[in-house]
C-alpha atoms as a PDB file:
ATOM      1  CA  MET A   1      -0.063  -0.048  -0.092  1.00  0.00           C
ATOM      2  CA  LYS A   2       1.163   3.446  -0.765  1.00  0.00           C
ATOM      3  CA  PHE A   3       1.086   5.973   2.022  1.00  0.00           C
ATOM      4  CA  PHE A   4       0.719   9.547   2.181  1.00  0.00           C
ATOM      5  CA  ILE A   5       1.369  11.883   4.981  1.00  0.00           C
ATOM      6  CA  LEU A   6      -0.320  15.136   5.884  1.00  0.00           C
ATOM      7  CA  ASP A   7       0.420  16.565   9.073  1.00  0.00           C
ATOM      8  CA  ASP A   8       1.642  20.239  10.022  1.00  0.00           C
ATOM      9  CA  ASP A   9       3.601  18.290  13.004  1.00  0.00           C
ATOM     10  CA  ILE A  10       6.984  16.935  11.907  1.00  0.00           C
ATOM     11  CA  ASN A  11       6.960  14.646  15.032  1.00  0.00           C
ATOM     12  CA  ILE A  12       4.102  13.129  14.060  1.00  0.00           C
ATOM     13  CA  ILE A  13       4.660  12.644  10.440  1.00  0.00           C
ATOM     14  CA  ARG A  14       7.920  10.600  11.991  1.00  0.00           C
ATOM     15  CA  ILE A  15       6.548   8.838  14.480  1.00  0.00           C
ATOM     16  CA  LEU A  16       3.965   7.457  11.478  1.00  0.00           C
ATOM     17  CA  LYS A  17       6.764   6.780   9.400  1.00  0.00           C
ATOM     18  CA  LYS A  18       8.214   4.829  11.472  1.00  0.00           C
ATOM     19  CA  ILE A  19       5.692   2.573  12.725  1.00  0.00           C
ATOM     20  CA  ILE A  20       4.623   2.480   9.142  1.00  0.00           C
ATOM     21  CA  ASP A  21       8.286   1.173   8.202  1.00  0.00           C
ATOM     22  CA  ASP A  22       8.594  -0.935  11.448  1.00  0.00           C
ATOM     23  CA  LYS A  23       5.639  -2.639  11.126  1.00  0.00           C
ATOM     24  CA  ASP A  24       5.711  -3.366   7.548  1.00  0.00           C
ATOM     25  CA  LEU A  25       2.635  -1.983   6.097  1.00  0.00           C
ATOM     26  CA  GLY A  26       3.064  -0.280   2.791  1.00  0.00           C
ATOM     27  CA  THR A  27       5.091   2.115   1.533  1.00  0.00           C
ATOM     28  CA  ILE A  28       5.668   6.279   2.495  1.00  0.00           C
ATOM     29  CA  VAL A  29       5.324   7.988  -1.058  1.00  0.00           C
ATOM     30  CA  GLY A  30       4.794  11.565   0.519  1.00  0.00           C
ATOM     31  CA  GLU A  31       4.351  13.834   2.834  1.00  0.00           C
ATOM     32  CA  GLU A  32       3.624  17.587   3.628  1.00  0.00           C
ATOM     33  CA  ARG A  33       2.694  19.512   6.303  1.00  0.00           C
ATOM     34  CA  ASP A  34       1.145  22.605   3.913  1.00  0.00           C
ATOM     35  CA  GLY A  35      -2.502  21.623   3.114  1.00  0.00           C
ATOM     36  CA  GLU A  36      -2.645  23.668   0.024  1.00  0.00           C
ATOM     37  CA  LYS A  37       0.549  21.687  -1.207  1.00  0.00           C
ATOM     38  CA  GLY A  38      -0.717  18.802   0.095  1.00  0.00           C
ATOM     39  CA  ILE A  39      -3.764  18.669  -2.057  1.00  0.00           C
ATOM     40  CA  ASP A  40      -1.857  19.320  -5.090  1.00  0.00           C
ATOM     41  CA  ARG A  41       0.873  16.163  -4.412  1.00  0.00           C
ATOM     42  CA  ILE A  42      -1.608  13.763  -3.594  1.00  0.00           C
ATOM     43  CA  ARG A  43      -3.691  14.766  -6.840  1.00  0.00           C
ATOM     44  CA  THR A  44      -0.063  14.238  -8.170  1.00  0.00           C
ATOM     45  CA  ILE A  45       0.827  10.591  -6.354  1.00  0.00           C
ATOM     46  CA  ILE A  46      -2.674   9.194  -5.871  1.00  0.00           C
ATOM     47  CA  PRO A  47      -1.525   7.186  -3.007  1.00  0.00           C
ATOM     48  CA  ASP A  48      -3.847   4.111  -1.754  1.00  0.00           C
ATOM     49  CA  ILE A  49      -3.991   5.890   1.680  1.00  0.00           C
ATOM     50  CA  VAL A  50      -3.837   9.418   3.390  1.00  0.00           C
ATOM     51  CA  LEU A  51      -3.460  10.272   6.942  1.00  0.00           C
ATOM     52  CA  ILE A  52      -4.296  13.308   7.665  1.00  0.00           C
ATOM     53  CA  ASP A  53      -4.819  15.604  10.602  1.00  0.00           C
ATOM     54  CA  LEU A  54      -8.086  17.332  11.393  1.00  0.00           C
ATOM     55  CA  LEU A  55      -6.433  20.668  12.390  1.00  0.00           C
ATOM     56  CA  MET A  56      -4.183  21.589   9.222  1.00  0.00           C
ATOM     57  CA  PRO A  57      -3.369  25.664   9.723  1.00  0.00           C
ATOM     58  CA  GLY A  58      -5.441  27.345   6.495  1.00  0.00           C
ATOM     59  CA  ILE A  59      -7.442  24.705   5.327  1.00  0.00           C
ATOM     60  CA  ASP A  60      -8.804  21.699   7.871  1.00  0.00           C
ATOM     61  CA  GLY A  61      -8.641  18.092   7.132  1.00  0.00           C
ATOM     62  CA  LEU A  62     -12.318  17.481   6.325  1.00  0.00           C
ATOM     63  CA  ARG A  63     -12.183  20.473   3.644  1.00  0.00           C
ATOM     64  CA  ILE A  64      -9.264  18.482   1.832  1.00  0.00           C
ATOM     65  CA  VAL A  65     -10.577  14.912   2.433  1.00  0.00           C
ATOM     66  CA  LYS A  66     -13.922  16.127   1.680  1.00  0.00           C
ATOM     67  CA  GLN A  67     -12.332  17.643  -2.294  1.00  0.00           C
ATOM     68  CA  LEU A  68     -10.353  14.727  -2.641  1.00  0.00           C
ATOM     69  CA  LYS A  69     -13.050  12.017  -1.842  1.00  0.00           C
ATOM     70  CA  GLU A  70     -15.237  13.616  -4.829  1.00  0.00           C
ATOM     71  CA  GLU A  71     -11.957  13.307  -7.391  1.00  0.00           C
ATOM     72  CA  TYR A  72     -10.763  10.029  -5.843  1.00  0.00           C
ATOM     73  CA  PRO A  73     -12.963   8.401  -4.300  1.00  0.00           C
ATOM     74  CA  ASN A  74     -10.902   4.688  -4.077  1.00  0.00           C
ATOM     75  CA  ILE A  75      -8.326   6.909  -2.149  1.00  0.00           C
ATOM     76  CA  GLU A  76      -8.651   5.782   2.098  1.00  0.00           C
ATOM     77  CA  PHE A  77      -8.623   8.706   4.633  1.00  0.00           C
ATOM     78  CA  ILE A  78      -7.876   7.910   8.489  1.00  0.00           C
ATOM     79  CA  MET A  79      -7.842  11.145  10.360  1.00  0.00           C
ATOM     80  CA  ILE A  80      -5.371  12.020  12.795  1.00  0.00           C
ATOM     81  CA  SER A  81      -7.307  14.446  15.392  1.00  0.00           C
ATOM     82  CA  GLN A  82      -6.815  15.696  19.362  1.00  0.00           C
ATOM     83  CA  VAL A  83     -10.705  15.980  19.214  1.00  0.00           C
ATOM     84  CA  SER A  84     -13.537  13.673  19.987  1.00  0.00           C
ATOM     85  CA  SER A  85     -16.408  15.365  19.117  1.00  0.00           C
ATOM     86  CA  LYS A  86     -19.389  13.398  18.018  1.00  0.00           C
ATOM     87  CA  ASN A  87     -20.444  16.431  15.555  1.00  0.00           C
ATOM     88  CA  MET A  88     -16.893  16.267  14.188  1.00  0.00           C
ATOM     89  CA  VAL A  89     -16.989  12.853  14.190  1.00  0.00           C
ATOM     90  CA  GLU A  90     -20.114  12.455  12.141  1.00  0.00           C
ATOM     91  CA  LYS A  91     -19.207  15.091   9.687  1.00  0.00           C
ATOM     92  CA  ALA A  92     -15.969  13.146   8.913  1.00  0.00           C
ATOM     93  CA  TYR A  93     -18.016  10.367   8.144  1.00  0.00           C
ATOM     94  CA  ARG A  94     -20.136  11.517   6.213  1.00  0.00           C
ATOM     95  CA  TYR A  95     -17.332  12.682   3.984  1.00  0.00           C
ATOM     96  CA  GLY A  96     -15.773   9.189   3.858  1.00  0.00           C
ATOM     97  CA  VAL A  97     -13.579   9.196   6.766  1.00  0.00           C
ATOM     98  CA  GLU A  98     -14.446   5.996   9.038  1.00  0.00           C
ATOM     99  CA  TYR A  99     -11.589   5.640  10.944  1.00  0.00           C
ATOM    100  CA  TYR A 100      -9.614   8.047  13.493  1.00  0.00           C
ATOM    101  CA  ILE A 101      -6.122   7.764  15.059  1.00  0.00           C
ATOM    102  CA  TYR A 102      -6.490  10.164  18.608  1.00  0.00           C
ATOM    103  CA  LYS A 103      -3.207  12.410  19.737  1.00  0.00           C
ATOM    104  CA  PRO A 104      -1.514  11.120  21.021  1.00  0.00           C
ATOM    105  CA  ILE A 105      -0.344   8.620  18.745  1.00  0.00           C
ATOM    106  CA  ASN A 106      -0.424   4.540  19.661  1.00  0.00           C
ATOM    107  CA  ALA A 107       1.673   2.787  17.925  1.00  0.00           C
ATOM    108  CA  ILE A 108      -0.154  -0.631  18.471  1.00  0.00           C
ATOM    109  CA  GLU A 109      -3.839   1.309  17.591  1.00  0.00           C
ATOM    110  CA  VAL A 110      -2.365   3.282  14.774  1.00  0.00           C
ATOM    111  CA  GLU A 111      -1.058  -0.321  13.926  1.00  0.00           C
ATOM    112  CA  MET A 112      -4.702  -2.048  14.125  1.00  0.00           C
ATOM    113  CA  ILE A 113      -6.393   0.606  12.427  1.00  0.00           C
ATOM    114  CA  ILE A 114      -4.328   0.884   9.498  1.00  0.00           C
ATOM    115  CA  ARG A 115      -4.184  -3.129   9.364  1.00  0.00           C
ATOM    116  CA  LYS A 116      -8.320  -2.583   9.188  1.00  0.00           C
ATOM    117  CA  VAL A 117      -8.257  -0.141   6.555  1.00  0.00           C
ATOM    118  CA  ILE A 118      -5.921  -2.691   4.214  1.00  0.00           C
ATOM    119  CA  GLU A 119      -8.493  -5.233   4.875  1.00  0.00           C
ATOM    120  CA  ARG A 120     -11.122  -3.491   4.065  1.00  0.00           C
ATOM    121  CA  MET A 121      -9.278  -2.384   0.452  1.00  0.00           C
ATOM    122  CA  GLU A 122      -7.820  -5.708  -0.193  1.00  0.00           C
ATOM    123  CA  ILE A 123     -11.647  -6.887   0.051  1.00  0.00           C
ATOM    124  CA  ASN A 124     -13.189  -4.177  -2.386  1.00  0.00           C
ATOM    125  CA  ARG A 125     -10.682  -4.989  -4.746  1.00  0.00           C
ATOM    126  CA  THR A 126     -10.921  -9.065  -4.591  1.00  0.00           C
ATOM    127  CA  ILE A 127     -14.362  -9.089  -4.730  1.00  0.00           C
ATOM    128  CA  LEU A 128     -14.311  -6.109  -8.327  1.00  0.00           C
ATOM    129  CA  LYS A 129     -12.140  -8.652  -9.780  1.00  0.00           C
ATOM    130  CA  MET A 130     -14.192 -11.409  -9.127  1.00  0.00           C
ATOM    131  CA  GLN A 131     -17.329  -9.114 -10.098  1.00  0.00           C
ATOM    132  CA  GLN A 132     -15.225  -8.250 -13.426  1.00  0.00           C
ATOM    133  CA  ILE A 133     -14.111 -12.150 -14.187  1.00  0.00           C
ATOM    134  CA  PHE A 134     -17.477 -13.578 -13.739  1.00  0.00           C
ATOM    135  CA  ASN A 135     -19.926 -10.980 -15.235  1.00  0.00           C
ATOM    136  CA  ASN A 136     -21.270 -10.741 -19.200  1.00  0.00           C
ATOM    137  CA  LYS A 137     -20.260 -14.156 -19.141  1.00  0.00           C
ATOM    138  CA  PRO A 138     -22.410 -17.057 -21.031  1.00  0.00           C
ATOM    139  CA  GLU A 139     -23.919 -19.268 -18.941  1.00  0.00           C
ATOM    140  CA  LYS A 140     -21.331 -22.785 -19.617  1.00  0.00           C
ATOM    141  CA  GLU A 141     -18.313 -20.721 -19.064  1.00  0.00           C
ATOM    142  CA  ILE A 142     -19.780 -18.852 -15.545  1.00  0.00           C
ATOM    143  CA  VAL A 143     -19.760 -22.987 -14.795  1.00  0.00           C
ATOM    144  CA  ARG A 144     -16.567 -23.844 -15.933  1.00  0.00           C
ATOM    145  CA  LEU A 145     -14.818 -20.796 -14.050  1.00  0.00           C
ATOM    146  CA  GLU A 146     -17.011 -22.051 -10.999  1.00  0.00           C
ATOM    147  CA  GLY A 147     -15.951 -25.375 -10.817  1.00  0.00           C
ATOM    148  CA  ALA A 148     -12.407 -24.301 -11.580  1.00  0.00           C
ATOM    149  CA  CYS A 149     -12.798 -22.204  -8.499  1.00  0.00           C
ATOM    150  CA  GLU A 150     -13.934 -25.142  -6.523  1.00  0.00           C
ATOM    151  CA  GLN A 151     -10.780 -27.135  -7.486  1.00  0.00           C
ATOM    152  CA  CYS A 152      -8.641 -24.230  -7.041  1.00  0.00           C
ATOM    153  CA  ILE A 153      -9.745 -23.685  -3.426  1.00  0.00           C
ATOM    154  CA  ASN A 154      -9.639 -27.810  -2.969  1.00  0.00           C
ATOM    155  CA  ASN A 155      -6.512 -27.706  -3.651  1.00  0.00           C
ATOM    156  CA  ILE A 156      -5.330 -24.758  -0.992  1.00  0.00           C
ATOM    157  CA  LEU A 157      -7.399 -26.879   1.707  1.00  0.00           C
ATOM    158  CA  MET A 158      -5.422 -29.953   0.714  1.00  0.00           C
ATOM    159  CA  GLU A 159      -2.188 -28.132   1.111  1.00  0.00           C
ATOM    160  CA  LEU A 160      -2.931 -27.101   4.447  1.00  0.00           C
ATOM    161  CA  GLY A 161      -4.040 -30.429   5.660  1.00  0.00           C
ATOM    162  CA  ILE A 162      -7.758 -29.497   6.499  1.00  0.00           C
ATOM    163  CA  ILE A 163      -9.778 -30.816   3.458  1.00  0.00           C
ATOM    164  CA  SER A 164     -11.257 -33.669   5.437  1.00  0.00           C
ATOM    165  CA  GLU A 165     -12.923 -31.131   8.258  1.00  0.00           C
ATOM    166  CA  LYS A 166     -16.018 -30.248   8.425  1.00  0.00           C
ATOM    167  CA  GLY A 167     -15.660 -27.056   8.195  1.00  0.00           C
ATOM    168  CA  SER A 168     -13.663 -27.151   5.304  1.00  0.00           C
ATOM    169  CA  GLU A 169     -16.760 -28.111   3.121  1.00  0.00           C
ATOM    170  CA  GLU A 170     -18.534 -25.103   4.662  1.00  0.00           C
ATOM    171  CA  ILE A 171     -15.658 -22.667   3.906  1.00  0.00           C
ATOM    172  CA  ILE A 172     -16.168 -24.136  -0.060  1.00  0.00           C
ATOM    173  CA  LYS A 173     -19.543 -23.262   0.283  1.00  0.00           C
ATOM    174  CA  VAL A 174     -19.205 -20.178   1.466  1.00  0.00           C
ATOM    175  CA  VAL A 175     -16.385 -19.065  -1.154  1.00  0.00           C
ATOM    176  CA  LYS A 176     -18.493 -19.930  -3.467  1.00  0.00           C
ATOM    177  CA  TYR A 177     -21.386 -17.998  -2.382  1.00  0.00           C
ATOM    178  CA  VAL A 178     -19.832 -14.578  -1.868  1.00  0.00           C
ATOM    179  CA  ILE A 179     -18.037 -14.875  -5.903  1.00  0.00           C
ATOM    180  CA  MET A 180     -21.187 -16.073  -7.497  1.00  0.00           C
ATOM    181  CA  LYS A 181     -23.208 -13.147  -5.220  1.00  0.00           C
ATOM    182  CA  GLY A 182     -20.700 -10.642  -5.683  1.00  0.00           C
ATOM    183  CA  ILE A 183     -21.197 -10.215  -2.024  1.00  0.00           C
ATOM    184  CA  ASN A 184     -18.564  -7.543  -0.428  1.00  0.00           C
ATOM    185  CA  LEU A 185     -17.109  -9.006   2.869  1.00  0.00           C
ATOM    186  CA  ASN A 186     -16.986  -5.463   4.632  1.00  0.00           C
ATOM    187  CA  ASN A 187     -20.494  -5.115   4.526  1.00  0.00           C
ATOM    188  CA  ILE A 188     -21.781  -8.638   6.185  1.00  0.00           C
ATOM    189  CA  THR A 189     -20.684 -10.300   9.329  1.00  0.00           C
ATOM    190  CA  ILE A 190     -19.897 -14.254   8.967  1.00  0.00           C
ATOM    191  CA  ARG A 191     -22.766 -15.249  10.898  1.00  0.00           C
ATOM    192  CA  GLU A 192     -24.950 -13.413   8.712  1.00  0.00           C
ATOM    193  CA  LEU A 193     -23.009 -15.419   5.747  1.00  0.00           C
ATOM    194  CA  CYS A 194     -23.479 -18.866   7.198  1.00  0.00           C
ATOM    195  CA  SER A 195     -27.445 -17.827   7.976  1.00  0.00           C
ATOM    196  CA  HIS A 196     -27.413 -18.389   4.054  1.00  0.00           C
ATOM    197  CA  PHE A 197     -26.592 -22.009   4.546  1.00  0.00           C
ATOM    198  CA  THR A 198     -28.053 -23.477   7.894  1.00  0.00           C
ATOM    199  CA  ASP A 199     -30.522 -22.391  11.087  1.00  0.00           C
ATOM    200  CA  ASN A 200     -27.560 -22.398  13.503  1.00  0.00           C
ATOM    201  CA  PRO A 201     -24.971 -19.977  12.042  1.00  0.00           C
ATOM    202  CA  LYS A 202     -23.115 -19.587  15.268  1.00  0.00           C
ATOM    203  CA  SER A 203     -22.372 -23.296  14.827  1.00  0.00           C
ATOM    204  CA  MET A 204     -21.098 -23.259  11.237  1.00  0.00           C
ATOM    205  CA  GLU A 205     -18.970 -19.960  11.987  1.00  0.00           C
ATOM    206  CA  GLN A 206     -17.295 -22.225  14.646  1.00  0.00           C
ATOM    207  CA  ARG A 207     -16.255 -25.020  12.354  1.00  0.00           C
ATOM    208  CA  MET A 208     -15.006 -22.770   9.648  1.00  0.00           C
ATOM    209  CA  ARG A 209     -12.838 -20.969  12.982  1.00  0.00           C
ATOM    210  CA  ARG A 210     -12.017 -24.727  13.701  1.00  0.00           C
ATOM    211  CA  ALA A 211     -10.546 -25.627  10.218  1.00  0.00           C
ATOM    212  CA  ILE A 212      -8.943 -22.409  10.038  1.00  0.00           C
ATOM    213  CA  SER A 213      -7.105 -22.728  13.751  1.00  0.00           C
ATOM    214  CA  ILE A 214      -5.903 -26.249  12.526  1.00  0.00           C
ATOM    215  CA  ALA A 215      -4.881 -24.708   9.085  1.00  0.00           C
ATOM    216  CA  MET A 216      -2.604 -22.219  11.035  1.00  0.00           C
ATOM    217  CA  THR A 217      -1.564 -24.614  13.039  1.00  0.00           C
ATOM    218  CA  ASN A 218       0.042 -26.580  10.418  1.00  0.00           C
ATOM    219  CA  ILE A 219       1.386 -23.441   8.269  1.00  0.00           C
ATOM    220  CA  ALA A 220       3.343 -22.900  11.631  1.00  0.00           C
ATOM    221  CA  ASN A 221       4.980 -26.197  12.341  1.00  0.00           C
ATOM    222  CA  LEU A 222       5.816 -26.004   8.423  1.00  0.00           C
ATOM    223  CA  GLY A 223       7.496 -22.709   9.242  1.00  0.00           C
ATOM    224  CA  ILE A 224       9.197 -24.004  11.827  1.00  0.00           C
ATOM    225  CA  GLU A 225      10.845 -27.009   9.851  1.00  0.00           C
ATOM    226  CA  ASP A 226      11.138 -25.605   6.814  1.00  0.00           C
ATOM    227  CA  TYR A 227      10.790 -21.403   6.723  1.00  0.00           C
ATOM    228  CA  MET A 228      11.341 -21.790   3.691  1.00  0.00           C
ATOM    229  CA  ASN A 229       8.943 -24.166   2.507  1.00  0.00           C
ATOM    230  CA  GLU A 230       7.331 -23.509  -0.172  1.00  0.00           C
ATOM    231  CA  ILE A 231       3.763 -23.789   1.201  1.00  0.00           C
ATOM    232  CA  PHE A 232       4.502 -21.860   4.434  1.00  0.00           C
ATOM    233  CA  VAL A 233       5.922 -18.939   1.949  1.00  0.00           C
ATOM    234  CA  GLN A 234       2.808 -18.932  -0.389  1.00  0.00           C
ATOM    235  CA  TYR A 235       0.032 -19.195   2.044  1.00  0.00           C
ATOM    236  CA  SER A 236       1.228 -17.798   5.259  1.00  0.00           C
ATOM    237  CA  ASN A 237       0.682 -14.285   4.763  1.00  0.00           C
ATOM    238  CA  SER A 238      -1.743 -14.493   2.082  1.00  0.00           C
ATOM    239  CA  LEU A 239      -4.619 -16.457   4.015  1.00  0.00           C
ATOM    240  CA  PHE A 240      -3.513 -15.714   7.437  1.00  0.00           C
ATOM    241  CA  ASN A 241      -1.989 -12.837   9.408  1.00  0.00           C
ATOM    242  CA  PHE A 242       1.804 -13.296   9.465  1.00  0.00           C
ATOM    243  CA  GLU A 243       2.390 -11.929  12.847  1.00  0.00           C
ATOM    244  CA  GLN A 244      -0.281 -14.460  13.889  1.00  0.00           C
ATOM    245  CA  VAL A 245       1.680 -17.427  12.356  1.00  0.00           C
ATOM    246  CA  ARG A 246       4.981 -16.294  14.017  1.00  0.00           C
ATOM    247  CA  ARG A 247       2.638 -16.220  17.557  1.00  0.00           C
ATOM    248  CA  GLU A 248       1.858 -19.852  16.571  1.00  0.00           C
ATOM    249  CA  MET A 249       5.055 -20.842  16.125  1.00  0.00           C
ATOM    250  CA  GLU A 250       6.575 -19.351  19.336  1.00  0.00           C
ATOM    251  CA  TYR A 251       3.762 -21.083  20.777  1.00  0.00           C
ATOM    252  CA  ILE A 252       4.152 -24.487  19.448  1.00  0.00           C
ATOM    253  CA  ARG A 253       7.978 -23.734  20.376  1.00  0.00           C
ATOM    254  CA  GLY A 254       7.339 -23.816  23.779  1.00  0.00           C
ATOM    255  CA  LYS A 255       8.154 -19.927  23.871  1.00  0.00           C
ATOM    256  CA  SER A 256       5.042 -18.482  24.574  1.00  0.00           C
ATOM    257  CA  ASP A 257       1.520 -19.622  26.508  1.00  0.00           C
ATOM    258  CA  ARG A 258      -0.733 -18.450  23.710  1.00  0.00           C
ATOM    259  CA  GLY A 259      -1.007 -19.160  20.115  1.00  0.00           C
ATOM    260  CA  GLY A 260      -1.980 -16.989  17.004  1.00  0.00           C
ATOM    261  CA  SER A 261      -5.454 -15.719  16.380  1.00  0.00           C
ATOM    262  CA  THR A 262      -7.155 -16.209  12.867  1.00  0.00           C
ATOM    263  CA  ASN A 263      -9.349 -13.978  11.169  1.00  0.00           C
ATOM    264  CA  ILE A 264     -12.244 -15.725   9.334  1.00  0.00           C
ATOM    265  CA  LYS A 265     -12.552 -12.846   6.825  1.00  0.00           C
ATOM    266  CA  LYS A 266      -8.686 -12.669   5.633  1.00  0.00           C
ATOM    267  CA  PHE A 267      -8.978 -16.610   4.885  1.00  0.00           C
ATOM    268  CA  LEU A 268     -11.575 -16.219   3.171  1.00  0.00           C
ATOM    269  CA  ILE A 269     -10.688 -13.381   0.836  1.00  0.00           C
ATOM    270  CA  GLY A 270      -7.420 -14.395   0.823  1.00  0.00           C
ATOM    271  CA  LEU A 271      -9.074 -18.193  -1.269  1.00  0.00           C
ATOM    272  CA  ILE A 272     -11.124 -15.791  -3.388  1.00  0.00           C
ATOM    273  CA  SER A 273      -8.071 -14.072  -4.522  1.00  0.00           C
ATOM    274  CA  PHE A 274      -6.195 -17.330  -5.687  1.00  0.00           C
ATOM    275  CA  CYS A 275      -9.203 -17.805  -7.804  1.00  0.00           C
ATOM    276  CA  GLU A 276      -8.381 -14.466  -9.777  1.00  0.00           C
ATOM    277  CA  TYR A 277      -6.173 -16.071 -12.192  1.00  0.00           C
ATOM    278  CA  LEU A 278      -8.298 -18.729 -13.382  1.00  0.00           C
ATOM    279  CA  ASP A 279      -9.680 -16.693 -16.366  1.00  0.00           C
ATOM    280  CA  ASN A 280      -6.277 -15.604 -17.719  1.00  0.00           C
END
């Protein structure tokens, strides 16, 4: 992801740059302390994510967001603010700001929010690509692509060592449903998705989570045996949060009393992204 930081405080810029670099969240493609100059540079660079101060001198951050969102709706904005006014937050939301970072800067909070924004963007991009693949295709071709997609997912789950898990069968159903219906995972919960298949969506979600947890443990074991293992390299970051995989590895080694946690949506969107290349 390409980041642009717009803040009149050079210390804030330095802190944010360090967090983004240290946590390997993306690339800093620009920074600016002046609002008007920042607008021009953002128009030239067109970054993926802009971290912007609410109270910029001369022109406030909300006006900048409103102006740029109208021109570049795909740019995501994260507002940096000392103000926690409800009215200000509501106004920012109307302009397209969904995430806030409050001063003083907390590195853990910054990383968490940026990762949420990145995940949201990746979901949007992947769903859009899949819709483009299936749109305007004859019925026979759609059936072929659907079968190829299911086979692709089966192969991945087999490599992860969970093809025989009951939750895996349900994962395949959900992925196919999301693709064929063009569902944006940002706008629906996993439990709501499961409710399309069962009267007990909570149990279905638990089975899926259990299967994904087993997959993470298997991947972690592969990484312990061989850090360059092909399956480990391919899936440790695409289907899981790598930091959580590393935590699971530490747990298996007995160096931590807590294993890694799984994210069902990241796992699903990872599987969907592997289906993107079936139409090539």
